[in-house]
């Protein structure tokens, strides 16, 4: 095997190992009962697992309901019926 061939094979192995590690971390975070989020330095959500998405959706729904009730005095649930 040539020098370049050996490097290429080593690089291929490293890429495969990183892919496997990434898949493992993804599997762990997606099945975790805890909400997991990653934020950019600017505070932008760059990753959220399923539980974090559920919690965020519940919070947003709750905030929307509170704001809608305050603004017109009618519960959003009653408005939808």
Protein backbone atom coordinates (compact mmCIF):
# COMPACT_ATOMS: atom_id res chain seq x y z
CA UNK A 1 0.00 0.00 0.00
CA UNK A 2 1.31 3.43 -0.87
CA UNK A 3 1.70 6.27 1.57
CA UNK A 4 -1.37 8.05 0.18
CA UNK A 5 -3.34 4.81 0.14
CA UNK A 6 -2.59 4.20 3.82
CA UNK A 7 -3.65 7.75 4.72
CA UNK A 8 -6.83 7.38 2.71
CA UNK A 9 -7.67 4.10 4.45
CA UNK A 10 -6.96 5.65 7.84
CA UNK A 11 -9.14 8.65 6.99
CA UNK A 12 -11.94 6.36 5.84
CA UNK A 13 -11.77 4.46 9.16
CA UNK A 14 -11.78 7.72 11.13
CA UNK A 15 -14.80 9.03 9.21
CA UNK A 16 -16.69 5.78 9.85
CA UNK A 17 -15.82 5.86 13.55
CA UNK A 18 -17.04 9.48 13.81
CA UNK A 19 -20.26 8.55 11.98
CA UNK A 20 -20.91 5.72 14.44
CA UNK A 21 -20.24 8.00 17.43
CA UNK A 22 -22.55 10.67 15.99
CA UNK A 23 -25.31 8.11 15.49
CA UNK A 24 -24.90 6.85 19.06
CA UNK A 25 -25.11 10.36 20.53
CA UNK A 26 -28.16 11.11 18.36
CA UNK A 27 -29.85 7.91 19.54
CA UNK A 28 -29.13 8.68 23.20
CA UNK A 29 -30.33 12.28 23.02
CA UNK A 30 -33.48 11.45 21.06
CA UNK A 31 -34.55 8.72 23.49
CA UNK A 32 -33.68 10.63 26.66
CA UNK A 33 -36.63 11.48 28.91
CA UNK A 34 -34.92 14.82 29.61
CA UNK A 35 -35.26 17.78 27.28
CA UNK A 36 -31.93 18.55 25.62
CA UNK A 37 -31.27 21.72 23.63
CA UNK A 38 -28.20 23.30 22.12
CA UNK A 39 -28.06 27.06 21.67
CA UNK A 40 -25.76 29.10 19.48
CA UNK A 41 -23.79 31.92 21.12
CA UNK A 42 -26.57 34.24 19.89
CA UNK A 43 -29.22 32.19 21.70
CA UNK A 44 -30.64 30.48 18.62
CA UNK A 45 -31.77 26.89 19.16
CA UNK A 46 -29.57 24.71 16.96
CA UNK A 47 -30.74 21.35 18.30
CA UNK A 48 -33.63 20.07 20.39
CA UNK A 49 -34.53 16.48 21.13
CA UNK A 50 -38.14 15.25 21.08
CA UNK A 51 -38.74 15.95 24.77
CA UNK A 52 -37.39 19.49 24.47
CA UNK A 53 -39.69 20.06 21.49
CA UNK A 54 -42.65 18.84 23.55
CA UNK A 55 -41.77 21.10 26.48
CA UNK A 56 -41.28 24.09 24.19
CA UNK A 57 -44.59 23.43 22.43
CA UNK A 58 -46.39 23.17 25.78
CA UNK A 59 -44.79 26.43 26.96
CA UNK A 60 -45.65 28.25 23.74
CA UNK A 61 -49.24 26.99 23.86
CA UNK A 62 -49.53 28.05 27.49
CA UNK A 63 -48.10 31.52 26.77
CA UNK A 64 -50.41 31.92 23.77
CA UNK A 65 -53.41 30.94 25.88
CA UNK A 66 -52.48 33.40 28.64
CA UNK A 67 -51.95 36.25 26.17
CA UNK A 68 -55.17 35.54 24.28
CA UNK A 69 -57.19 35.45 27.50
CA UNK A 70 -55.65 38.72 28.71
CA UNK A 71 -56.20 40.52 25.42
CA UNK A 72 -59.91 39.78 24.97
CA UNK A 73 -61.04 38.05 28.14
CA UNK A 74 -62.08 34.92 26.25
CA UNK A 75 -60.33 31.61 26.70
CA UNK A 76 -58.85 30.26 23.45
CA UNK A 77 -60.52 26.95 24.22
CA UNK A 78 -63.93 28.60 24.28
CA UNK A 79 -63.10 30.58 21.12
CA UNK A 80 -62.32 27.35 19.26
CA UNK A 81 -65.60 25.63 20.20
